[in-house]
Amino acid sequence: MQDYSINPEIVAQCDVEIQKRCSKGEMKEGKTIDCLMDLAEENEGKDDVIRPQCLKAVSNMKRKAIKNRFL
């Protein structure tokens, strides 16, 4: 895991997705987060692209980012 800017909740809940689908987290400059967000979008209407706990963590991250943007 090289992208140390990823929050610990994402790392813990999305470890499988990061390892298998997002270049093992070795992408930098937010590209791992972008990858996870793409997986979450791809998951809409399906249940097999991203695990529920990872989807929840990505959704929480997006919600917090939106909230902080408007503070």
PDB file of N, CA and C in Angstrom:
ATOM      1  N   MET A   1       0.853  -1.171   0.000  1.00  0.00           N
ATOM      2  CA  MET A   1       0.000   0.000   0.000  1.00  0.00           C
ATOM      3  C   MET A   1       0.898   1.233   0.000  1.00  0.00           C
ATOM      4  N   GLN A   2       0.869   1.992  -1.061  1.00  0.00           N
ATOM      5  CA  GLN A   2       1.725   3.153  -1.177  1.00  0.00           C
ATOM      6  C   GLN A   2       0.984   4.481  -1.078  1.00  0.00           C
ATOM      7  N   ASP A   3      -0.314   4.497  -1.369  1.00  0.00           N
ATOM      8  CA  ASP A   3      -1.070   5.743  -1.334  1.00  0.00           C
ATOM      9  C   ASP A   3      -1.509   6.005   0.093  1.00  0.00           C
ATOM     10  N   TYR A   4      -0.635   6.631   0.872  1.00  0.00           N
ATOM     11  CA  TYR A   4      -0.880   6.821   2.296  1.00  0.00           C
ATOM     12  C   TYR A   4      -1.945   7.864   2.581  1.00  0.00           C
ATOM     13  N   SER A   5      -2.437   8.545   1.562  1.00  0.00           N
ATOM     14  CA  SER A   5      -3.487   9.535   1.777  1.00  0.00           C
ATOM     15  C   SER A   5      -4.854   8.885   1.927  1.00  0.00           C
ATOM     16  N   ILE A   6      -4.953   7.591   1.695  1.00  0.00           N
ATOM     17  CA  ILE A   6      -6.223   6.886   1.847  1.00  0.00           C
ATOM     18  C   ILE A   6      -6.557   6.768   3.323  1.00  0.00           C
ATOM     19  N   ASN A   7      -7.807   7.040   3.658  1.00  0.00           N
ATOM     20  CA  ASN A   7      -8.165   6.985   5.072  1.00  0.00           C
ATOM     21  C   ASN A   7      -8.203   5.537   5.560  1.00  0.00           C
ATOM     22  N   PRO A   8      -7.916   5.330   6.848  1.00  0.00           N
ATOM     23  CA  PRO A   8      -7.800   3.973   7.394  1.00  0.00           C
ATOM     24  C   PRO A   8      -9.065   3.132   7.258  1.00  0.00           C
ATOM     25  N   GLU A   9     -10.239   3.763   7.332  1.00  0.00           N
ATOM     26  CA  GLU A   9     -11.491   3.022   7.161  1.00  0.00           C
ATOM     27  C   GLU A   9     -11.560   2.402   5.764  1.00  0.00           C
ATOM     28  N   ILE A  10     -11.175   3.168   4.768  1.00  0.00           N
ATOM     29  CA  ILE A  10     -11.175   2.667   3.386  1.00  0.00           C
ATOM     30  C   ILE A  10     -10.198   1.501   3.263  1.00  0.00           C
ATOM     31  N   VAL A  11      -9.009   1.656   3.806  1.00  0.00           N
ATOM     32  CA  VAL A  11      -7.997   0.589   3.725  1.00  0.00           C
ATOM     33  C   VAL A  11      -8.522  -0.683   4.383  1.00  0.00           C
ATOM     34  N   ALA A  12      -9.134  -0.551   5.558  1.00  0.00           N
ATOM     35  CA  ALA A  12      -9.615  -1.723   6.290  1.00  0.00           C
ATOM     36  C   ALA A  12     -10.805  -2.384   5.604  1.00  0.00           C
ATOM     37  N   GLN A  13     -11.732  -1.590   5.113  1.00  0.00           N
ATOM     38  CA  GLN A  13     -12.962  -2.147   4.558  1.00  0.00           C
ATOM     39  C   GLN A  13     -12.855  -2.533   3.083  1.00  0.00           C
ATOM     40  N   CYS A  14     -11.871  -1.993   2.400  1.00  0.00           N
ATOM     41  CA  CYS A  14     -11.736  -2.236   0.952  1.00  0.00           C
ATOM     42  C   CYS A  14     -10.438  -2.955   0.595  1.00  0.00           C
ATOM     43  N   ASP A  15      -9.859  -3.652   1.556  1.00  0.00           N
ATOM     44  CA  ASP A  15      -8.567  -4.289   1.320  1.00  0.00           C
ATOM     45  C   ASP A  15      -8.595  -5.251   0.129  1.00  0.00           C
ATOM     46  N   VAL A  16      -9.645  -6.031   0.000  1.00  0.00           N
ATOM     47  CA  VAL A  16      -9.733  -7.001  -1.100  1.00  0.00           C
ATOM     48  C   VAL A  16      -9.839  -6.277  -2.437  1.00  0.00           C
ATOM     49  N   GLU A  17     -10.700  -5.258  -2.501  1.00  0.00           N
ATOM     50  CA  GLU A  17     -10.874  -4.506  -3.747  1.00  0.00           C
ATOM     51  C   GLU A  17      -9.588  -3.786  -4.141  1.00  0.00           C
ATOM     52  N   ILE A  18      -8.911  -3.226  -3.151  1.00  0.00           N
ATOM     53  CA  ILE A  18      -7.651  -2.526  -3.428  1.00  0.00           C
ATOM     54  C   ILE A  18      -6.622  -3.500  -3.998  1.00  0.00           C
ATOM     55  N   GLN A  19      -6.511  -4.670  -3.371  1.00  0.00           N
ATOM     56  CA  GLN A  19      -5.521  -5.653  -3.818  1.00  0.00           C
ATOM     57  C   GLN A  19      -5.850  -6.225  -5.200  1.00  0.00           C
ATOM     58  N   LYS A  20      -7.109  -6.557  -5.424  1.00  0.00           N
ATOM     59  CA  LYS A  20      -7.491  -7.250  -6.654  1.00  0.00           C
ATOM     60  C   LYS A  20      -7.824  -6.329  -7.821  1.00  0.00           C
ATOM     61  N   ARG A  21      -8.390  -5.152  -7.533  1.00  0.00           N
ATOM     62  CA  ARG A  21      -8.933  -4.338  -8.615  1.00  0.00           C
ATOM     63  C   ARG A  21      -8.291  -2.963  -8.760  1.00  0.00           C
ATOM     64  N   CYS A  22      -7.499  -2.547  -7.767  1.00  0.00           N
ATOM     65  CA  CYS A  22      -6.954  -1.183  -7.778  1.00  0.00           C
ATOM     66  C   CYS A  22      -5.433  -1.183  -7.640  1.00  0.00           C
ATOM     67  N   SER A  23      -4.779  -2.014  -8.389  1.00  0.00           N
ATOM     68  CA  SER A  23      -3.307  -2.064  -8.454  1.00  0.00           C
ATOM     69  C   SER A  23      -2.642  -2.194  -7.093  1.00  0.00           C
ATOM     70  N   LYS A  24      -3.274  -2.946  -6.203  1.00  0.00           N
ATOM     71  CA  LYS A  24      -2.737  -3.211  -4.865  1.00  0.00           C
ATOM     72  C   LYS A  24      -2.471  -1.938  -4.066  1.00  0.00           C
ATOM     73  N   GLY A  25      -3.132  -0.843  -4.429  1.00  0.00           N
ATOM     74  CA  GLY A  25      -2.976   0.405  -3.700  1.00  0.00           C
ATOM     75  C   GLY A  25      -1.698   1.134  -4.019  1.00  0.00           C
ATOM     76  N   GLU A  26      -1.009   0.724  -5.061  1.00  0.00           N
ATOM     77  CA  GLU A  26       0.277   1.342  -5.385  1.00  0.00           C
ATOM     78  C   GLU A  26       0.126   2.596  -6.239  1.00  0.00           C
ATOM     79  N   MET A  27      -1.088   2.919  -6.629  1.00  0.00           N
ATOM     80  CA  MET A  27      -1.324   4.146  -7.383  1.00  0.00           C
ATOM     81  C   MET A  27      -1.271   5.317  -6.409  1.00  0.00           C
ATOM     82  N   LYS A  28      -0.830   6.451  -6.881  1.00  0.00           N
ATOM     83  CA  LYS A  28      -0.700   7.628  -6.023  1.00  0.00           C
ATOM     84  C   LYS A  28      -1.621   8.730  -6.501  1.00  0.00           C
ATOM     85  N   GLU A  29      -1.603   9.832  -5.766  1.00  0.00           N
ATOM     86  CA  GLU A  29      -2.350  11.037  -6.113  1.00  0.00           C
ATOM     87  C   GLU A  29      -3.848  10.784  -6.212  1.00  0.00           C
ATOM     88  N   GLY A  30      -4.376   9.966  -5.313  1.00  0.00           N
ATOM     89  CA  GLY A  30      -5.808   9.739  -5.263  1.00  0.00           C
ATOM     90  C   GLY A  30      -6.356   8.741  -6.259  1.00  0.00           C
ATOM     91  N   LYS A  31      -5.485   8.111  -7.035  1.00  0.00           N
ATOM     92  CA  LYS A  31      -5.965   7.187  -8.062  1.00  0.00           C
ATOM     93  C   LYS A  31      -6.580   5.916  -7.465  1.00  0.00           C
ATOM     94  N   THR A  32      -6.133   5.502  -6.294  1.00  0.00           N
ATOM     95  CA  THR A  32      -6.749   4.344  -5.644  1.00  0.00           C
ATOM     96  C   THR A  32      -8.175   4.689  -5.230  1.00  0.00           C
ATOM     97  N   ILE A  33      -8.378   5.878  -4.686  1.00  0.00           N
ATOM     98  CA  ILE A  33      -9.724   6.319  -4.322  1.00  0.00           C
ATOM     99  C   ILE A  33     -10.584   6.418  -5.580  1.00  0.00           C
ATOM    100  N   ASP A  34     -10.039   6.971  -6.646  1.00  0.00           N
ATOM    101  CA  ASP A  34     -10.778   7.047  -7.908  1.00  0.00           C
ATOM    102  C   ASP A  34     -11.205   5.658  -8.367  1.00  0.00           C
ATOM    103  N   CYS A  35     -10.309   4.695  -8.251  1.00  0.00           N
ATOM    104  CA  CYS A  35     -10.599   3.319  -8.637  1.00  0.00           C
ATOM    105  C   CYS A  35     -11.756   2.775  -7.798  1.00  0.00           C
ATOM    106  N   LEU A  36     -11.710   2.984  -6.487  1.00  0.00           N
ATOM    107  CA  LEU A  36     -12.775   2.491  -5.612  1.00  0.00           C
ATOM    108  C   LEU A  36     -14.102   3.173  -5.918  1.00  0.00           C
ATOM    109  N   MET A  37     -14.054   4.452  -6.215  1.00  0.00           N
ATOM    110  CA  MET A  37     -15.281   5.160  -6.565  1.00  0.00           C
ATOM    111  C   MET A  37     -15.852   4.634  -7.879  1.00  0.00           C
ATOM    112  N   ASP A  38     -14.991   4.334  -8.825  1.00  0.00           N
ATOM    113  CA  ASP A  38     -15.441   3.734 -10.090  1.00  0.00           C
ATOM    114  C   ASP A  38     -16.085   2.380  -9.849  1.00  0.00           C
ATOM    115  N   LEU A  39     -15.497   1.579  -8.965  1.00  0.00           N
ATOM    116  CA  LEU A  39     -16.082   0.278  -8.632  1.00  0.00           C
ATOM    117  C   LEU A  39     -17.451   0.450  -7.981  1.00  0.00           C
ATOM    118  N   ALA A  40     -17.575   1.439  -7.108  1.00  0.00           N
ATOM    119  CA  ALA A  40     -18.858   1.690  -6.450  1.00  0.00           C
ATOM    120  C   ALA A  40     -19.925   2.072  -7.476  1.00  0.00           C
ATOM    121  N   GLU A  41     -19.561   2.905  -8.440  1.00  0.00           N
ATOM    122  CA  GLU A  41     -20.502   3.274  -9.498  1.00  0.00           C
ATOM    123  C   GLU A  41     -20.853   2.070 -10.357  1.00  0.00           C
ATOM    124  N   GLU A  42     -19.858   1.269 -10.673  1.00  0.00           N
ATOM    125  CA  GLU A  42     -20.063   0.063 -11.473  1.00  0.00           C
ATOM    126  C   GLU A  42     -20.974  -0.922 -10.743  1.00  0.00           C
ATOM    127  N   ASN A  43     -20.965  -0.878  -9.433  1.00  0.00           N
ATOM    128  CA  ASN A  43     -21.739  -1.797  -8.602  1.00  0.00           C
ATOM    129  C   ASN A  43     -23.240  -1.484  -8.599  1.00  0.00           C
ATOM    130  N   GLU A  44     -23.613  -0.258  -9.015  1.00  0.00           N
ATOM    131  CA  GLU A  44     -25.019   0.128  -8.977  1.00  0.00           C
ATOM    132  C   GLU A  44     -25.857  -0.869  -9.775  1.00  0.00           C
ATOM    133  N   GLY A  45     -26.864  -1.402  -9.126  1.00  0.00           N
ATOM    134  CA  GLY A  45     -27.738  -2.376  -9.762  1.00  0.00           C
ATOM    135  C   GLY A  45     -27.195  -3.790  -9.734  1.00  0.00           C
ATOM    136  N   LYS A  46     -26.013  -3.958  -9.177  1.00  0.00           N
ATOM    137  CA  LYS A  46     -25.378  -5.268  -9.061  1.00  0.00           C
ATOM    138  C   LYS A  46     -24.936  -5.433  -7.615  1.00  0.00           C
ATOM    139  N   ASP A  47     -24.508  -6.605  -7.263  1.00  0.00           N
ATOM    140  CA  ASP A  47     -24.010  -6.809  -5.908  1.00  0.00           C
ATOM    141  C   ASP A  47     -22.683  -7.559  -5.884  1.00  0.00           C
ATOM    142  N   ASP A  48     -22.051  -7.698  -7.024  1.00  0.00           N
ATOM    143  CA  ASP A  48     -20.868  -8.543  -7.067  1.00  0.00           C
ATOM    144  C   ASP A  48     -19.584  -7.822  -7.453  1.00  0.00           C
ATOM    145  N   VAL A  49     -19.644  -6.504  -7.622  1.00  0.00           N
ATOM    146  CA  VAL A  49     -18.466  -5.748  -8.042  1.00  0.00           C
ATOM    147  C   VAL A  49     -17.625  -5.332  -6.839  1.00  0.00           C
ATOM    148  N   ILE A  50     -18.289  -4.954  -5.773  1.00  0.00           N
ATOM    149  CA  ILE A  50     -17.615  -4.432  -4.590  1.00  0.00           C
ATOM    150  C   ILE A  50     -18.369  -4.967  -3.362  1.00  0.00           C
ATOM    151  N   ARG A  51     -17.633  -5.330  -2.339  1.00  0.00           N
ATOM    152  CA  ARG A  51     -18.275  -5.881  -1.141  1.00  0.00           C
ATOM    153  C   ARG A  51     -19.056  -4.785  -0.403  1.00  0.00           C
ATOM    154  N   PRO A  52     -20.124  -5.184   0.299  1.00  0.00           N
ATOM    155  CA  PRO A  52     -20.970  -4.198   0.982  1.00  0.00           C
ATOM    156  C   PRO A  52     -20.205  -3.293   1.951  1.00  0.00           C
ATOM    157  N   GLN A  53     -19.261  -3.846   2.704  1.00  0.00           N
ATOM    158  CA  GLN A  53     -18.527  -3.015   3.663  1.00  0.00           C
ATOM    159  C   GLN A  53     -17.647  -1.983   2.961  1.00  0.00           C
ATOM    160  N   CYS A  54     -17.119  -2.324   1.805  1.00  0.00           N
ATOM    161  CA  CYS A  54     -16.317  -1.367   1.037  1.00  0.00           C
ATOM    162  C   CYS A  54     -17.224  -0.297   0.438  1.00  0.00           C
ATOM    163  N   LEU A  55     -18.346  -0.730  -0.100  1.00  0.00           N
ATOM    164  CA  LEU A  55     -19.307   0.227  -0.656  1.00  0.00           C
ATOM    165  C   LEU A  55     -19.737   1.232   0.408  1.00  0.00           C
ATOM    166  N   LYS A  56     -19.993   0.748   1.611  1.00  0.00           N
ATOM    167  CA  LYS A  56     -20.390   1.624   2.714  1.00  0.00           C
ATOM    168  C   LYS A  56     -19.271   2.601   3.064  1.00  0.00           C
ATOM    169  N   ALA A  57     -18.033   2.123   3.117  1.00  0.00           N
ATOM    170  CA  ALA A  57     -16.893   2.986   3.441  1.00  0.00           C
ATOM    171  C   ALA A  57     -16.696   4.065   2.379  1.00  0.00           C
ATOM    172  N   VAL A  58     -16.833   3.697   1.116  1.00  0.00           N
ATOM    173  CA  VAL A  58     -16.689   4.669   0.020  1.00  0.00           C
ATOM    174  C   VAL A  58     -17.831   5.690   0.096  1.00  0.00           C
ATOM    175  N   SER A  59     -19.033   5.225   0.367  1.00  0.00           N
ATOM    176  CA  SER A  59     -20.183   6.134   0.497  1.00  0.00           C
ATOM    177  C   SER A  59     -19.984   7.104   1.662  1.00  0.00           C
ATOM    178  N   ASN A  60     -19.489   6.594   2.790  1.00  0.00           N
ATOM    179  CA  ASN A  60     -19.211   7.459   3.950  1.00  0.00           C
ATOM    180  C   ASN A  60     -18.174   8.507   3.608  1.00  0.00           C
ATOM    181  N   MET A  61     -17.131   8.103   2.894  1.00  0.00           N
ATOM    182  CA  MET A  61     -16.072   9.027   2.508  1.00  0.00           C
ATOM    183  C   MET A  61     -16.637  10.129   1.610  1.00  0.00           C
ATOM    184  N   LYS A  62     -17.462   9.733   0.644  1.00  0.00           N
ATOM    185  CA  LYS A  62     -18.057  10.724  -0.263  1.00  0.00           C
ATOM    186  C   LYS A  62     -18.960  11.682   0.504  1.00  0.00           C
ATOM    187  N   ARG A  63     -19.752  11.148   1.432  1.00  0.00           N
ATOM    188  CA  ARG A  63     -20.662  11.972   2.225  1.00  0.00           C
ATOM    189  C   ARG A  63     -19.870  12.984   3.055  1.00  0.00           C
ATOM    190  N   LYS A  64     -18.783  12.542   3.691  1.00  0.00           N
ATOM    191  CA  LYS A  64     -17.956  13.442   4.503  1.00  0.00           C
ATOM    192  C   LYS A  64     -17.300  14.511   3.643  1.00  0.00           C
ATOM    193  N   ALA A  65     -16.852  14.138   2.456  1.00  0.00           N
ATOM    194  CA  ALA A  65     -16.216  15.100   1.559  1.00  0.00           C
ATOM    195  C   ALA A  65     -17.204  16.178   1.132  1.00  0.00           C
ATOM    196  N   ILE A  66     -18.423  15.773   0.835  1.00  0.00           N
ATOM    197  CA  ILE A  66     -19.450  16.741   0.444  1.00  0.00           C
ATOM    198  C   ILE A  66     -19.786  17.651   1.617  1.00  0.00           C
ATOM    199  N   LYS A  67     -19.929  17.066   2.798  1.00  0.00           N
ATOM    200  CA  LYS A  67     -20.241  17.846   3.992  1.00  0.00           C
ATOM    201  C   LYS A  67     -19.149  18.880   4.269  1.00  0.00           C
ATOM    202  N   ASN A  68     -17.880  18.451   4.198  1.00  0.00           N
ATOM    203  CA  ASN A  68     -16.757  19.359   4.459  1.00  0.00           C
ATOM    204  C   ASN A  68     -16.658  20.446   3.413  1.00  0.00           C
ATOM    205  N   ARG A  69     -17.057  20.148   2.223  1.00  0.00           N
ATOM    206  CA  ARG A  69     -16.978  21.137   1.142  1.00  0.00           C
ATOM    207  C   ARG A  69     -17.920  22.310   1.406  1.00  0.00           C
ATOM    208  N   PHE A  70     -19.046  22.022   2.045  1.00  0.00           N
ATOM    209  CA  PHE A  70     -20.050  23.057   2.274  1.00  0.00           C
ATOM    210  C   PHE A  70     -19.981  23.665   3.667  1.00  0.00           C
ATOM    211  N   LEU A  71     -18.963  23.352   4.444  1.00  0.00           N
ATOM    212  CA  LEU A  71     -18.815  23.962   5.772  1.00  0.00           C
ATOM    213  C   LEU A  71     -18.158  25.313   5.683  1.00  0.00           C
TER     214      LEU A  71
END
